[in-house]
Amino acid sequence: MNNKITIGNSSKRIEGLEKEVEKLKKVNAKLKDENKKLKEELEYFKKRKASGRQKHNAKWMAIYNDFVDCYERGMTLVEIAKRNGISERSIYRYKAYYEELKKM
């Protein structure tokens, strides 16, 4: 095995490596910028208020518990909807959830 190093080739290799290091630094800087932008975007979506029906939050559970109480006492679905100030469609969702739990 030959352990000789030629100075001419070594300096060319070092220059080549230095150029590659500079390229990697530029790529790293671009990736850091992109990462920062993505983190900002993620924070925006985390703070954004979700639209649409919220599943099983405190308000939903309060109305559901009232639904169960009234439904088991024999009130009609329309009466329960008016009592809670929600649509009849929502009451049918509560009823479906109630029946699903009863099956279990």
C-alpha atoms as a PDB file:
ATOM      1  CA  MET A   1       0.000   0.000   0.000  1.00  0.00           C
ATOM      2  CA  ASN A   2       1.386   3.348  -0.999  1.00  0.00           C
ATOM      3  CA  ASN A   3       0.995   6.119   1.598  1.00  0.00           C
ATOM      4  CA  LYS A   4       2.418   8.872  -0.569  1.00  0.00           C
ATOM      5  CA  ILE A   5       0.344  12.006  -1.005  1.00  0.00           C
ATOM      6  CA  THR A   6       1.060  14.306  -3.844  1.00  0.00           C
ATOM      7  CA  ILE A   7       0.729  17.955  -2.936  1.00  0.00           C
ATOM      8  CA  GLY A   8      -0.699  19.028  -6.289  1.00  0.00           C
ATOM      9  CA  ASN A   9      -3.611  16.598  -6.181  1.00  0.00           C
ATOM     10  CA  SER A  10      -4.275  17.237  -2.491  1.00  0.00           C
ATOM     11  CA  SER A  11      -4.709  20.965  -2.988  1.00  0.00           C
ATOM     12  CA  LYS A  12      -7.174  20.311  -5.834  1.00  0.00           C
ATOM     13  CA  ARG A  13      -9.105  17.902  -3.630  1.00  0.00           C
ATOM     14  CA  ILE A  14      -9.203  20.435  -0.790  1.00  0.00           C
ATOM     15  CA  GLU A  15     -10.480  23.143  -3.142  1.00  0.00           C
ATOM     16  CA  GLY A  16     -13.155  20.746  -4.414  1.00  0.00           C
ATOM     17  CA  LEU A  17     -14.191  19.890  -0.880  1.00  0.00           C
ATOM     18  CA  GLU A  18     -14.313  23.556   0.092  1.00  0.00           C
ATOM     19  CA  LYS A  19     -16.630  24.262  -2.849  1.00  0.00           C
ATOM     20  CA  GLU A  20     -18.885  21.392  -1.804  1.00  0.00           C
ATOM     21  CA  VAL A  21     -18.956  22.700   1.765  1.00  0.00           C
ATOM     22  CA  GLU A  22     -20.049  26.132   0.480  1.00  0.00           C
ATOM     23  CA  LYS A  23     -22.804  24.530  -1.621  1.00  0.00           C
ATOM     24  CA  LEU A  24     -24.002  22.590   1.419  1.00  0.00           C
ATOM     25  CA  LYS A  25     -24.033  25.774   3.509  1.00  0.00           C
ATOM     26  CA  LYS A  26     -26.266  27.467   0.908  1.00  0.00           C
ATOM     27  CA  VAL A  27     -28.613  24.468   0.780  1.00  0.00           C
ATOM     28  CA  ASN A  28     -28.703  24.397   4.588  1.00  0.00           C
ATOM     29  CA  ALA A  29     -29.606  28.102   4.721  1.00  0.00           C
ATOM     30  CA  LYS A  30     -32.433  27.565   2.190  1.00  0.00           C
ATOM     31  CA  LEU A  31     -33.753  24.620   4.195  1.00  0.00           C
ATOM     32  CA  LYS A  32     -33.673  26.656   7.414  1.00  0.00           C
ATOM     33  CA  ASP A  33     -35.686  29.428   5.727  1.00  0.00           C
ATOM     34  CA  GLU A  34     -38.192  26.930   4.381  1.00  0.00           C
ATOM     35  CA  ASN A  35     -38.459  25.251   7.785  1.00  0.00           C
ATOM     36  CA  LYS A  36     -39.098  28.617   9.447  1.00  0.00           C
ATOM     37  CA  LYS A  37     -41.890  29.419   6.967  1.00  0.00           C
ATOM     38  CA  LEU A  38     -43.478  26.007   7.479  1.00  0.00           C
ATOM     39  CA  LYS A  39     -43.392  26.420  11.269  1.00  0.00           C
ATOM     40  CA  GLU A  40     -45.107  29.821  10.940  1.00  0.00           C
ATOM     41  CA  GLU A  41     -47.755  28.275   8.712  1.00  0.00           C
ATOM     42  CA  LEU A  42     -48.269  25.443  11.189  1.00  0.00           C
ATOM     43  CA  GLU A  43     -48.747  27.910  14.033  1.00  0.00           C
ATOM     44  CA  TYR A  44     -51.337  29.758  11.952  1.00  0.00           C
ATOM     45  CA  PHE A  45     -53.329  26.564  11.436  1.00  0.00           C
ATOM     46  CA  LYS A  46     -53.027  25.592  15.098  1.00  0.00           C
ATOM     47  CA  LYS A  47     -54.463  28.940  16.211  1.00  0.00           C
ATOM     48  CA  ARG A  48     -57.160  29.061  13.548  1.00  0.00           C
ATOM     49  CA  LYS A  49     -60.688  28.432  14.719  1.00  0.00           C
ATOM     50  CA  ALA A  50     -62.044  25.263  13.210  1.00  0.00           C
ATOM     51  CA  SER A  51     -65.282  25.683  11.335  1.00  0.00           C
ATOM     52  CA  GLY A  52     -68.189  23.336  11.197  1.00  0.00           C
ATOM     53  CA  ARG A  53     -69.662  21.054  13.802  1.00  0.00           C
ATOM     54  CA  GLN A  54     -67.408  20.384  16.781  1.00  0.00           C
ATOM     55  CA  LYS A  55     -67.459  16.769  17.861  1.00  0.00           C
ATOM     56  CA  HIS A  56     -68.177  16.063  21.503  1.00  0.00           C
ATOM     57  CA  ASN A  57     -67.092  19.348  23.043  1.00  0.00           C
ATOM     58  CA  ALA A  58     -68.655  20.590  26.310  1.00  0.00           C
ATOM     59  CA  LYS A  59     -71.635  22.249  24.599  1.00  0.00           C
ATOM     60  CA  TRP A  60     -72.315  19.129  22.529  1.00  0.00           C
ATOM     61  CA  MET A  61     -72.191  16.922  25.605  1.00  0.00           C
ATOM     62  CA  ALA A  62     -74.547  19.215  27.557  1.00  0.00           C
ATOM     63  CA  ILE A  63     -77.142  19.124  24.771  1.00  0.00           C
ATOM     64  CA  TYR A  64     -76.659  15.366  24.326  1.00  0.00           C
ATOM     65  CA  ASN A  65     -77.200  14.730  28.033  1.00  0.00           C
ATOM     66  CA  ASP A  66     -80.366  16.852  27.918  1.00  0.00           C
ATOM     67  CA  PHE A  67     -81.452  14.924  24.820  1.00  0.00           C
ATOM     68  CA  VAL A  68     -81.009  11.589  26.598  1.00  0.00           C
ATOM     69  CA  ASP A  69     -82.955  12.796  29.625  1.00  0.00           C
ATOM     70  CA  CYS A  70     -85.832  14.168  27.539  1.00  0.00           C
ATOM     71  CA  TYR A  71     -85.866  11.250  25.064  1.00  0.00           C
ATOM     72  CA  GLU A  72     -86.063   8.683  27.852  1.00  0.00           C
ATOM     73  CA  ARG A  73     -88.945  10.650  29.443  1.00  0.00           C
ATOM     74  CA  GLY A  74     -90.869  10.379  26.150  1.00  0.00           C
ATOM     75  CA  MET A  75     -90.507  13.838  24.595  1.00  0.00           C
ATOM     76  CA  THR A  76     -90.666  13.990  20.805  1.00  0.00           C
ATOM     77  CA  LEU A  77     -87.555  14.791  18.802  1.00  0.00           C
ATOM     78  CA  VAL A  78     -89.084  18.054  17.554  1.00  0.00           C
ATOM     79  CA  GLU A  79     -89.810  19.167  21.124  1.00  0.00           C
ATOM     80  CA  ILE A  80     -86.261  18.371  22.187  1.00  0.00           C
ATOM     81  CA  ALA A  81     -84.855  20.302  19.223  1.00  0.00           C
ATOM     82  CA  LYS A  82     -86.929  23.387  20.071  1.00  0.00           C
ATOM     83  CA  ARG A  83     -86.042  23.110  23.761  1.00  0.00           C
ATOM     84  CA  ASN A  84     -82.299  23.162  22.972  1.00  0.00           C
ATOM     85  CA  GLY A  85     -82.497  25.628  20.086  1.00  0.00           C
ATOM     86  CA  ILE A  86     -80.942  23.255  17.547  1.00  0.00           C
ATOM     87  CA  SER A  87     -82.052  21.812  14.231  1.00  0.00           C
ATOM     88  CA  GLU A  88     -84.016  18.616  13.867  1.00  0.00           C
ATOM     89  CA  ARG A  89     -81.115  17.193  11.868  1.00  0.00           C
ATOM     90  CA  SER A  90     -78.856  17.676  14.884  1.00  0.00           C
ATOM     91  CA  ILE A  91     -81.369  15.834  17.065  1.00  0.00           C
ATOM     92  CA  TYR A  92     -81.263  12.905  14.644  1.00  0.00           C
ATOM     93  CA  ARG A  93     -77.473  12.886  14.986  1.00  0.00           C
ATOM     94  CA  TYR A  94     -77.864  12.733  18.763  1.00  0.00           C
ATOM     95  CA  LYS A  95     -80.411   9.940  18.404  1.00  0.00           C
ATOM     96  CA  ALA A  96     -78.094   7.944  16.131  1.00  0.00           C
ATOM     97  CA  TYR A  97     -75.253   8.371  18.626  1.00  0.00           C
ATOM     98  CA  TYR A  98     -77.580   7.372  21.483  1.00  0.00           C
ATOM     99  CA  GLU A  99     -78.732   4.225  19.674  1.00  0.00           C
ATOM    100  CA  GLU A 100     -75.144   3.304  18.789  1.00  0.00           C
ATOM    101  CA  LEU A 101     -74.173   3.522  22.456  1.00  0.00           C
ATOM    102  CA  LYS A 102     -77.203   1.439  23.443  1.00  0.00           C
ATOM    103  CA  LYS A 103     -76.028  -1.361  21.107  1.00  0.00           C
ATOM    104  CA  MET A 104     -72.731  -1.558  22.981  1.00  0.00           C
END
